[in-house]
Amino acid sequence: MMNLKQMVGIKASEYVKDGMIVGLGTGSTAYYMIEELGRRVKEENLQIVGVPTSIASKKQAEGLGITVKTIDEVDHVDLTIDGADEIDENFGGIKGGGAALLFEKIVATYSKKIICIVDESKMVKNLGAFPLPVEVIPYGCMQVFKKFEALGYQPTLRKKEDGSTLITDCGHYIIDLHLEKIEQPEQLARQLDHTVGVVEHGLFLNMVDTVIIGHENGVEVLESQK
């Protein structure tokens, strides 16, 4: 029996055509999409270039025989397919649960089209129940942390299972904001963008073109009206 993440991963890979440069997302749902692209490369002789958004996705793609390049080695990205931790009714999203938000946002920003793949549990009315990841440089990070505390954002510094501070692929830390409900995502995004020491945040607003949702009874495809 195919699980929901596998269903949407396979469905999303159908949008990938010969000759495309494809942004390869990170996480448990994107994993299945990359597996399916690897199958198509091997069995259908699909010719693509993958632009991974993490070291994990790079290793997976290379192991499957997908040609891999960095974002700086291509002149554009035709299509990026990635998961999300939450998606709201306006196709705004929270990403970064897998600590790859910086690479994910860079690749998404330089993509012509973005497909978000999720199971139905990730669809929400308002963003914020999932903690919002904020990537910060280590130097001065506790000053940023204290600022978030004063603002009532209930920050926590992300740790690994052994209790040590998690370090991203870029050598940064992540502060998760436990906001419960984000009333004005655009305003919060602007505030975080202007906070010195913040490298990037997990609010992905006005970026996604298509959302593919896995339901128990099948796959639903929603297109943005933007």
Foldseek 3Di string as FASTA:
>chain_A
DDDLLLQQLLVVLVPDAAPFEEEQADDDSSLNVLVNVLVCCVPVVRQYEYAYLAPVSVVSNVVSVHHYDHPVVDPAGAEYEYEFQAAEPQRKGFHCPVPSQVSVVVNLVRYPAYEYEEAPVRYDHFDQQFWKKWWFAPVCVVVVVVVCVVVVQPKDWDDDPVGHGDAGPVRTTIITGRRNGDPDVVVVLVVLVPDPRTPHIRIHPPRHAWYWYGDPVHIDIDGHPD
